[in-house]
C-alpha atoms as a PDB file:
ATOM      1  CA  UNK A   1     149.246 143.644 252.086  1.00  0.00           C
ATOM      2  CA  UNK A   2     147.829 146.984 251.089  1.00  0.00           C
ATOM      3  CA  UNK A   3     145.842 148.540 248.265  1.00  0.00           C
ATOM      4  CA  UNK A   4     145.457 151.807 246.394  1.00  0.00           C
ATOM      5  CA  UNK A   5     141.906 151.789 247.763  1.00  0.00           C
ATOM      6  CA  UNK A   6     139.085 152.786 245.480  1.00  0.00           C
ATOM      7  CA  UNK A   7     139.639 152.327 241.806  1.00  0.00           C
ATOM      8  CA  UNK A   8     141.412 155.365 240.434  1.00  0.00           C
ATOM      9  CA  UNK A   9     140.907 157.024 237.076  1.00  0.00           C
ATOM     10  CA  UNK A  10     142.821 159.849 235.401  1.00  0.00           C
ATOM     11  CA  UNK A  11     143.747 160.962 231.911  1.00  0.00           C
ATOM     12  CA  UNK A  12     146.657 159.248 230.199  1.00  0.00           C
ATOM     13  CA  UNK A  13     148.591 156.031 230.046  1.00  0.00           C
ATOM     14  CA  UNK A  14     150.836 154.159 232.472  1.00  0.00           C
ATOM     15  CA  UNK A  15     153.483 151.494 232.072  1.00  0.00           C
ATOM     16  CA  UNK A  16     155.208 149.703 234.913  1.00  0.00           C
ATOM     17  CA  UNK A  17     157.324 146.758 235.945  1.00  0.00           C
ATOM     18  CA  UNK A  18     157.051 144.770 239.159  1.00  0.00           C
ATOM     19  CA  UNK A  19     160.528 144.896 240.724  1.00  0.00           C
ATOM     20  CA  UNK A  20     159.843 142.820 243.832  1.00  0.00           C
ATOM     21  CA  UNK A  21     156.950 140.822 245.220  1.00  0.00           C
ATOM     22  CA  UNK A  22     153.531 140.415 243.667  1.00  0.00           C
ATOM     23  CA  UNK A  23     150.527 142.614 243.003  1.00  0.00           C
ATOM     24  CA  UNK A  24     147.014 142.252 241.655  1.00  0.00           C
ATOM     25  CA  UNK A  25     146.107 144.849 239.044  1.00  0.00           C
ATOM     26  CA  UNK A  26     142.345 145.305 238.667  1.00  0.00           C
ATOM     27  CA  UNK A  27     141.109 147.065 235.539  1.00  0.00           C
ATOM     28  CA  UNK A  28     137.418 147.552 234.892  1.00  0.00           C
ATOM     29  CA  UNK A  29     136.547 144.571 237.128  1.00  0.00           C
ATOM     30  CA  UNK A  30     139.126 142.141 235.635  1.00  0.00           C
ATOM     31  CA  UNK A  31     142.054 141.040 237.802  1.00  0.00           C
ATOM     32  CA  UNK A  32     145.600 140.424 236.618  1.00  0.00           C
ATOM     33  CA  UNK A  33     148.076 138.866 239.085  1.00  0.00           C
ATOM     34  CA  UNK A  34     151.603 140.122 238.390  1.00  0.00           C
ATOM     35  CA  UNK A  35     154.929 139.016 239.889  1.00  0.00           C
ATOM     36  CA  UNK A  36     158.478 140.363 239.868  1.00  0.00           C
ATOM     37  CA  UNK A  37     159.767 140.746 236.312  1.00  0.00           C
ATOM     38  CA  UNK A  38     156.345 141.216 234.720  1.00  0.00           C
ATOM     39  CA  UNK A  39     155.161 144.509 233.238  1.00  0.00           C
ATOM     40  CA  UNK A  40     151.873 146.197 232.437  1.00  0.00           C
ATOM     41  CA  UNK A  41     150.606 148.975 230.173  1.00  0.00           C
ATOM     42  CA  UNK A  42     147.190 150.524 230.844  1.00  0.00           C
ATOM     43  CA  UNK A  43     144.916 153.336 229.767  1.00  0.00           C
ATOM     44  CA  UNK A  44     144.512 155.208 233.046  1.00  0.00           C
ATOM     45  CA  UNK A  45     141.174 156.606 231.887  1.00  0.00           C
ATOM     46  CA  UNK A  46     139.751 153.185 232.791  1.00  0.00           C
ATOM     47  CA  UNK A  47     139.133 152.645 236.546  1.00  0.00           C
ATOM     48  CA  UNK A  48     141.989 150.617 238.042  1.00  0.00           C
ATOM     49  CA  UNK A  49     143.617 149.650 241.337  1.00  0.00           C
ATOM     50  CA  UNK A  50     146.658 147.828 242.678  1.00  0.00           C
ATOM     51  CA  UNK A  51     146.592 145.410 245.632  1.00  0.00           C
ATOM     52  CA  UNK A  52     149.448 143.668 247.400  1.00  0.00           C
ATOM     53  CA  UNK A  53     147.713 140.659 248.922  1.00  0.00           C
ATOM     54  CA  UNK A  54     150.924 139.047 250.166  1.00  0.00           C
ATOM     55  CA  UNK A  55     152.698 139.574 253.467  1.00  0.00           C
ATOM     56  CA  UNK A  56     155.835 140.696 251.618  1.00  0.00           C
ATOM     57  CA  UNK A  57     156.954 143.959 250.070  1.00  0.00           C
ATOM     58  CA  UNK A  58     155.955 144.875 246.531  1.00  0.00           C
ATOM     59  CA  UNK A  59     157.984 147.436 244.587  1.00  0.00           C
ATOM     60  CA  UNK A  60     156.857 148.819 241.228  1.00  0.00           C
ATOM     61  CA  UNK A  61     158.526 151.333 238.944  1.00  0.00           C
ATOM     62  CA  UNK A  62     156.126 153.142 236.633  1.00  0.00           C
ATOM     63  CA  UNK A  63     155.894 155.998 234.160  1.00  0.00           C
ATOM     64  CA  UNK A  64     152.775 158.059 233.447  1.00  0.00           C
ATOM     65  CA  UNK A  65     151.765 160.371 230.640  1.00  0.00           C
ATOM     66  CA  UNK A  66     150.722 163.088 230.991  1.00  0.00           C
ATOM     67  CA  UNK A  67     152.299 163.894 234.342  1.00  0.00           C
ATOM     68  CA  UNK A  68     149.688 163.459 237.096  1.00  0.00           C
ATOM     69  CA  UNK A  69     151.543 165.065 239.984  1.00  0.00           C
END
């Protein structure tokens, strides 16, 4: 597995859907295990991170506002 590392924080909102595998979304210290087919919507101004704790691949499609890249 892998992780986004330190909790990230930036202006805006993000929505996403887990396409394959599983991921743990951590927001402000609370963890949310998500699997393929599940979605999330978060305020990205709150510290958050994503971790793939499995040995398999995890694919997520997400959209952010405002654009952060």
